[in-house]
Amino acid sequence: MSKIVIVFHSGYGHTAKVAQAVAEGSGGTLLAIDAEGNLPAGGWEQLAAADTIVFGTPTYMGGPSWQFKKFADASSKVWFAMGWKDKLAAGFTNSATLNGDKFSTLQYEFTLSQQHGMLWVGMGMQAPNSKAATRDDINNVGGYAGLLTVTPSDASADEMVPGDIATAKVFGQRVAAATARLAK
């Protein structure tokens, strides 16, 4: 059985809720980066054993959180040995505004994966683009390179848009299918 690990930082619980939905869809395991930017004991070993690593971080000021960046910088030891080479990678981000420069964060996650020699999995789904589309439609935010979600700054994690959470589950299913396909 393939192993999918969702490594993420969440400042206020919104990104954690997205990570949980990705894990639900993929059958993956959650690996939270703490408030100081560190992995729990055994976290690096968990990533080493993974077939697929999904990166998740909120978008703050047009980029990943400093805690996620600290994790990414610490991965240079793995990079030196090319320890994640040919693993699958995917990514997601959440911010308070519809755009919020989320693509900069997703591009950061993609670049991190490419530095490690990983193979990137995008959304693999169209975005709704008709007048009839609603925020509860799958991939309503229109991510193609990775999962994008939106949570107003005054909304709790429990008030997240149901369509974004459903999209995260479908994205998790896509990651699981790609992982299974590569494992053949």
C-alpha atoms as a PDB file:
ATOM      1  CA  MET A   1       0.000   0.000   0.000  1.00  0.00           C
ATOM      2  CA  SER A   2       1.316   3.439  -0.904  1.00  0.00           C
ATOM      3  CA  LYS A   3       1.963   6.057   1.719  1.00  0.00           C
ATOM      4  CA  ILE A   4       0.718   9.621   1.341  1.00  0.00           C
ATOM      5  CA  VAL A   5       1.802  12.220   3.876  1.00  0.00           C
ATOM      6  CA  ILE A   6       0.238  15.668   4.052  1.00  0.00           C
ATOM      7  CA  VAL A   7       2.798  17.979   5.676  1.00  0.00           C
ATOM      8  CA  PHE A   8       1.303  21.361   6.527  1.00  0.00           C
ATOM      9  CA  HIS A   9       1.351  24.432   8.706  1.00  0.00           C
ATOM     10  CA  SER A  10      -1.879  26.056   9.867  1.00  0.00           C
ATOM     11  CA  GLY A  11      -1.921  29.307  11.798  1.00  0.00           C
ATOM     12  CA  TYR A  12      -5.624  29.529  12.634  1.00  0.00           C
ATOM     13  CA  GLY A  13      -7.042  26.095  11.827  1.00  0.00           C
ATOM     14  CA  HIS A  14      -8.266  26.759   8.277  1.00  0.00           C
ATOM     15  CA  THR A  15      -5.329  25.101   6.515  1.00  0.00           C
ATOM     16  CA  ALA A  16      -5.563  22.199   8.987  1.00  0.00           C
ATOM     17  CA  LYS A  17      -9.195  21.669   7.980  1.00  0.00           C
ATOM     18  CA  VAL A  18      -8.177  21.588   4.299  1.00  0.00           C
ATOM     19  CA  ALA A  19      -5.355  19.156   5.151  1.00  0.00           C
ATOM     20  CA  GLN A  20      -7.848  16.902   6.943  1.00  0.00           C
ATOM     21  CA  ALA A  21     -10.111  16.886   3.879  1.00  0.00           C
ATOM     22  CA  VAL A  22      -7.159  16.051   1.592  1.00  0.00           C
ATOM     23  CA  ALA A  23      -6.235  13.220   3.982  1.00  0.00           C
ATOM     24  CA  GLU A  24      -9.833  11.997   3.998  1.00  0.00           C
ATOM     25  CA  GLY A  25      -9.896  11.867   0.202  1.00  0.00           C
ATOM     26  CA  SER A  26      -6.444  10.332  -0.177  1.00  0.00           C
ATOM     27  CA  GLY A  27      -6.254   8.017   2.809  1.00  0.00           C
ATOM     28  CA  GLY A  28      -3.106   9.928   3.732  1.00  0.00           C
ATOM     29  CA  THR A  29      -1.552  10.759   7.063  1.00  0.00           C
ATOM     30  CA  LEU A  30      -1.359  14.260   8.519  1.00  0.00           C
ATOM     31  CA  LEU A  31       1.994  15.692   9.608  1.00  0.00           C
ATOM     32  CA  ALA A  32       1.621  19.118  11.197  1.00  0.00           C
ATOM     33  CA  ILE A  33       4.395  21.702  11.317  1.00  0.00           C
ATOM     34  CA  ASP A  34       4.153  23.360  14.732  1.00  0.00           C
ATOM     35  CA  ALA A  35       3.968  27.064  15.593  1.00  0.00           C
ATOM     36  CA  GLU A  36       7.780  27.168  15.767  1.00  0.00           C
ATOM     37  CA  GLY A  37       8.195  25.651  12.300  1.00  0.00           C
ATOM     38  CA  ASN A  38       9.257  22.203  13.492  1.00  0.00           C
ATOM     39  CA  LEU A  39       8.063  18.701  12.702  1.00  0.00           C
ATOM     40  CA  PRO A  40       7.145  16.332  15.525  1.00  0.00           C
ATOM     41  CA  ALA A  41       9.503  13.528  16.510  1.00  0.00           C
ATOM     42  CA  GLY A  42       9.721  11.003  13.687  1.00  0.00           C
ATOM     43  CA  GLY A  43       8.383  13.478  11.120  1.00  0.00           C
ATOM     44  CA  TRP A  44      11.412  13.393   8.822  1.00  0.00           C
ATOM     45  CA  GLU A  45      11.355   9.600   8.893  1.00  0.00           C
ATOM     46  CA  GLN A  46       7.651   9.643   8.023  1.00  0.00           C
ATOM     47  CA  LEU A  47       8.405  11.809   4.978  1.00  0.00           C
ATOM     48  CA  ALA A  48      11.307   9.549   3.971  1.00  0.00           C
ATOM     49  CA  ALA A  49       8.965   6.531   3.977  1.00  0.00           C
ATOM     50  CA  ALA A  50       6.238   8.306   1.952  1.00  0.00           C
ATOM     51  CA  ASP A  51       5.527   7.639  -1.712  1.00  0.00           C
ATOM     52  CA  THR A  52       3.784  11.018  -2.009  1.00  0.00           C
ATOM     53  CA  ILE A  53       4.200  14.249  -0.074  1.00  0.00           C
ATOM     54  CA  VAL A  54       1.456  16.881  -0.197  1.00  0.00           C
ATOM     55  CA  PHE A  55       2.572  20.342   0.946  1.00  0.00           C
ATOM     56  CA  GLY A  56       0.106  22.723   2.610  1.00  0.00           C
ATOM     57  CA  THR A  57       0.463  26.227   3.988  1.00  0.00           C
ATOM     58  CA  PRO A  58      -1.631  29.336   4.358  1.00  0.00           C
ATOM     59  CA  THR A  59      -0.763  32.266   2.121  1.00  0.00           C
ATOM     60  CA  TYR A  60       0.425  35.173   4.251  1.00  0.00           C
ATOM     61  CA  MET A  61       1.515  38.370   2.533  1.00  0.00           C
ATOM     62  CA  GLY A  62       1.720  36.648  -0.862  1.00  0.00           C
ATOM     63  CA  GLY A  63       3.753  33.613   0.189  1.00  0.00           C
ATOM     64  CA  PRO A  64       3.977  30.633   2.530  1.00  0.00           C
ATOM     65  CA  SER A  65       3.985  31.071   6.295  1.00  0.00           C
ATOM     66  CA  TRP A  66       7.417  31.464   7.883  1.00  0.00           C
ATOM     67  CA  GLN A  67       6.837  28.169   9.685  1.00  0.00           C
ATOM     68  CA  PHE A  68       6.422  26.344   6.368  1.00  0.00           C
ATOM     69  CA  LYS A  69       9.462  28.162   4.975  1.00  0.00           C
ATOM     70  CA  LYS A  70      11.515  27.011   7.991  1.00  0.00           C
ATOM     71  CA  PHE A  71      10.451  23.422   7.263  1.00  0.00           C
ATOM     72  CA  ALA A  72      11.330  23.874   3.572  1.00  0.00           C
ATOM     73  CA  ASP A  73      14.753  25.289   4.458  1.00  0.00           C
ATOM     74  CA  ALA A  74      15.365  22.394   6.861  1.00  0.00           C
ATOM     75  CA  SER A  75      14.641  19.968   4.015  1.00  0.00           C
ATOM     76  CA  SER A  76      17.994  20.944   2.484  1.00  0.00           C
ATOM     77  CA  LYS A  77      19.552  17.975   4.294  1.00  0.00           C
ATOM     78  CA  VAL A  78      17.149  15.684   2.443  1.00  0.00           C
ATOM     79  CA  TRP A  79      17.797  17.619  -0.786  1.00  0.00           C
ATOM     80  CA  PHE A  80      21.552  17.094  -0.507  1.00  0.00           C
ATOM     81  CA  ALA A  81      21.030  13.315  -0.568  1.00  0.00           C
ATOM     82  CA  MET A  82      18.118  13.596  -3.089  1.00  0.00           C
ATOM     83  CA  GLY A  83      16.024  11.685  -0.564  1.00  0.00           C
ATOM     84  CA  TRP A  84      12.688  12.704  -2.099  1.00  0.00           C
ATOM     85  CA  LYS A  85      13.715  12.239  -5.735  1.00  0.00           C
ATOM     86  CA  ASP A  86      10.935  10.688  -7.864  1.00  0.00           C
ATOM     87  CA  LYS A  87       8.356  10.811  -5.063  1.00  0.00           C
ATOM     88  CA  LEU A  88       5.076  12.424  -6.056  1.00  0.00           C
ATOM     89  CA  ALA A  89       4.328  15.900  -4.729  1.00  0.00           C
ATOM     90  CA  ALA A  90       1.258  18.122  -4.669  1.00  0.00           C
ATOM     91  CA  GLY A  91       0.279  21.279  -2.850  1.00  0.00           C
ATOM     92  CA  PHE A  92      -2.469  23.477  -1.477  1.00  0.00           C
ATOM     93  CA  THR A  93      -2.967  26.823   0.163  1.00  0.00           C
ATOM     94  CA  ASN A  94      -5.697  28.863   1.826  1.00  0.00           C
ATOM     95  CA  SER A  95      -6.025  32.619   2.245  1.00  0.00           C
ATOM     96  CA  ALA A  96      -8.690  35.128   3.172  1.00  0.00           C
ATOM     97  CA  THR A  97      -9.274  36.666  -0.245  1.00  0.00           C
ATOM     98  CA  LEU A  98     -10.384  35.090  -3.498  1.00  0.00           C
ATOM     99  CA  ASN A  99      -6.979  35.632  -5.103  1.00  0.00           C
ATOM    100  CA  GLY A 100      -4.712  36.801  -2.298  1.00  0.00           C
ATOM    101  CA  ASP A 101      -1.680  35.964  -4.457  1.00  0.00           C
ATOM    102  CA  LYS A 102      -2.208  32.290  -3.624  1.00  0.00           C
ATOM    103  CA  PHE A 103      -0.444  31.262  -6.817  1.00  0.00           C
ATOM    104  CA  SER A 104       2.842  32.608  -5.395  1.00  0.00           C
ATOM    105  CA  THR A 105       2.518  30.143  -2.530  1.00  0.00           C
ATOM    106  CA  LEU A 106       1.598  27.273  -4.812  1.00  0.00           C
ATOM    107  CA  GLN A 107       4.553  28.164  -7.046  1.00  0.00           C
ATOM    108  CA  TYR A 108       6.794  28.082  -3.950  1.00  0.00           C
ATOM    109  CA  GLU A 109       5.579  24.571  -3.111  1.00  0.00           C
ATOM    110  CA  PHE A 110       6.077  23.488  -6.743  1.00  0.00           C
ATOM    111  CA  THR A 111       9.604  24.923  -6.822  1.00  0.00           C
ATOM    112  CA  LEU A 112      10.411  23.149  -3.550  1.00  0.00           C
ATOM    113  CA  SER A 113       9.251  19.872  -5.091  1.00  0.00           C
ATOM    114  CA  GLN A 114      11.350  20.465  -8.204  1.00  0.00           C
ATOM    115  CA  GLN A 115      14.427  21.252  -6.128  1.00  0.00           C
ATOM    116  CA  HIS A 116      13.940  17.807  -4.601  1.00  0.00           C
ATOM    117  CA  GLY A 117      13.460  16.120  -8.006  1.00  0.00           C
ATOM    118  CA  MET A 118       9.836  15.217  -7.269  1.00  0.00           C
ATOM    119  CA  LEU A 119       6.983  14.646  -9.735  1.00  0.00           C
ATOM    120  CA  TRP A 120       4.126  17.185  -9.384  1.00  0.00           C
ATOM    121  CA  VAL A 121       0.419  16.281  -9.374  1.00  0.00           C
ATOM    122  CA  GLY A 122      -1.942  19.101 -10.310  1.00  0.00           C
ATOM    123  CA  MET A 123      -5.703  19.307  -9.898  1.00  0.00           C
ATOM    124  CA  GLY A 124      -6.622  17.447 -13.082  1.00  0.00           C
ATOM    125  CA  MET A 125     -10.074  19.024 -13.159  1.00  0.00           C
ATOM    126  CA  GLN A 126     -11.820  21.914 -14.830  1.00  0.00           C
ATOM    127  CA  ALA A 127     -13.096  24.911 -12.921  1.00  0.00           C
ATOM    128  CA  PRO A 128     -16.731  25.927 -13.296  1.00  0.00           C
ATOM    129  CA  ASN A 129     -16.934  29.064 -15.414  1.00  0.00           C
ATOM    130  CA  SER A 130     -20.588  29.677 -16.155  1.00  0.00           C
ATOM    131  CA  LYS A 131     -23.069  32.124 -14.657  1.00  0.00           C
ATOM    132  CA  ALA A 132     -24.688  29.195 -12.878  1.00  0.00           C
ATOM    133  CA  ALA A 133     -21.488  28.396 -10.948  1.00  0.00           C
ATOM    134  CA  THR A 134     -21.528  28.798  -7.173  1.00  0.00           C
ATOM    135  CA  ARG A 135     -18.866  28.828  -4.455  1.00  0.00           C
ATOM    136  CA  ASP A 136     -19.997  25.310  -3.518  1.00  0.00           C
ATOM    137  CA  ASP A 137     -19.011  23.895  -6.905  1.00  0.00           C
ATOM    138  CA  ILE A 138     -15.937  21.674  -7.085  1.00  0.00           C
ATOM    139  CA  ASN A 139     -12.808  23.734  -7.894  1.00  0.00           C
ATOM    140  CA  ASN A 140     -14.764  26.986  -7.893  1.00  0.00           C
ATOM    141  CA  VAL A 141     -11.602  28.982  -7.068  1.00  0.00           C
ATOM    142  CA  GLY A 142     -10.104  27.673 -10.304  1.00  0.00           C
ATOM    143  CA  GLY A 143      -6.852  26.013  -9.297  1.00  0.00           C
ATOM    144  CA  TYR A 144      -5.110  23.914 -11.908  1.00  0.00           C
ATOM    145  CA  ALA A 145      -1.574  23.625 -10.543  1.00  0.00           C
ATOM    146  CA  GLY A 146      -2.844  22.781  -7.068  1.00  0.00           C
ATOM    147  CA  LEU A 147      -5.647  23.208  -4.560  1.00  0.00           C
ATOM    148  CA  LEU A 148      -6.729  26.762  -3.718  1.00  0.00           C
ATOM    149  CA  THR A 149      -9.234  27.547  -0.960  1.00  0.00           C
ATOM    150  CA  VAL A 150     -10.629  30.766   0.495  1.00  0.00           C
ATOM    151  CA  THR A 151     -11.702  31.563   4.039  1.00  0.00           C
ATOM    152  CA  PRO A 152     -12.759  35.094   5.028  1.00  0.00           C
ATOM    153  CA  SER A 153     -10.518  36.465   7.772  1.00  0.00           C
ATOM    154  CA  ASP A 154     -13.400  36.656  10.238  1.00  0.00           C
ATOM    155  CA  ALA A 155     -14.611  33.080   9.601  1.00  0.00           C
ATOM    156  CA  SER A 156     -13.761  30.134  11.807  1.00  0.00           C
ATOM    157  CA  ALA A 157     -12.516  26.850  10.380  1.00  0.00           C
ATOM    158  CA  ASP A 158     -16.044  25.489  10.894  1.00  0.00           C
ATOM    159  CA  GLU A 159     -17.403  28.234   8.630  1.00  0.00           C
ATOM    160  CA  MET A 160     -15.262  27.333   5.621  1.00  0.00           C
ATOM    161  CA  VAL A 161     -17.001  27.090   2.247  1.00  0.00           C
ATOM    162  CA  PRO A 162     -18.342  23.531   1.900  1.00  0.00           C
ATOM    163  CA  GLY A 163     -17.388  23.502  -1.790  1.00  0.00           C
ATOM    164  CA  ASP A 164     -13.740  24.149  -0.899  1.00  0.00           C
ATOM    165  CA  ILE A 165     -13.730  21.253   1.576  1.00  0.00           C
ATOM    166  CA  ALA A 166     -15.411  19.003  -1.007  1.00  0.00           C
ATOM    167  CA  THR A 167     -12.789  20.089  -3.559  1.00  0.00           C
ATOM    168  CA  ALA A 168     -10.036  19.192  -1.086  1.00  0.00           C
ATOM    169  CA  LYS A 169     -11.475  15.676  -0.764  1.00  0.00           C
ATOM    170  CA  VAL A 170     -11.655  15.265  -4.546  1.00  0.00           C
ATOM    171  CA  PHE A 171      -8.083  16.562  -4.816  1.00  0.00           C
ATOM    172  CA  GLY A 172      -7.056  13.954  -2.223  1.00  0.00           C
ATOM    173  CA  GLN A 173      -8.694  11.268  -4.368  1.00  0.00           C
ATOM    174  CA  ARG A 174      -6.704  12.503  -7.382  1.00  0.00           C
ATOM    175  CA  VAL A 175      -3.462  12.351  -5.396  1.00  0.00           C
ATOM    176  CA  ALA A 176      -4.316   8.808  -4.234  1.00  0.00           C
ATOM    177  CA  ALA A 177      -5.081   7.696  -7.805  1.00  0.00           C
ATOM    178  CA  ALA A 178      -1.805   9.168  -9.084  1.00  0.00           C
ATOM    179  CA  THR A 179       0.095   7.519  -6.246  1.00  0.00           C
ATOM    180  CA  ALA A 180      -1.504   4.134  -6.980  1.00  0.00           C
ATOM    181  CA  ARG A 181      -0.788   4.519 -10.686  1.00  0.00           C
ATOM    182  CA  LEU A 182       2.889   5.269 -10.053  1.00  0.00           C
ATOM    183  CA  ALA A 183       3.156   2.295  -7.693  1.00  0.00           C
ATOM    184  CA  LYS A 184       2.196  -0.151 -10.492  1.00  0.00           C
END
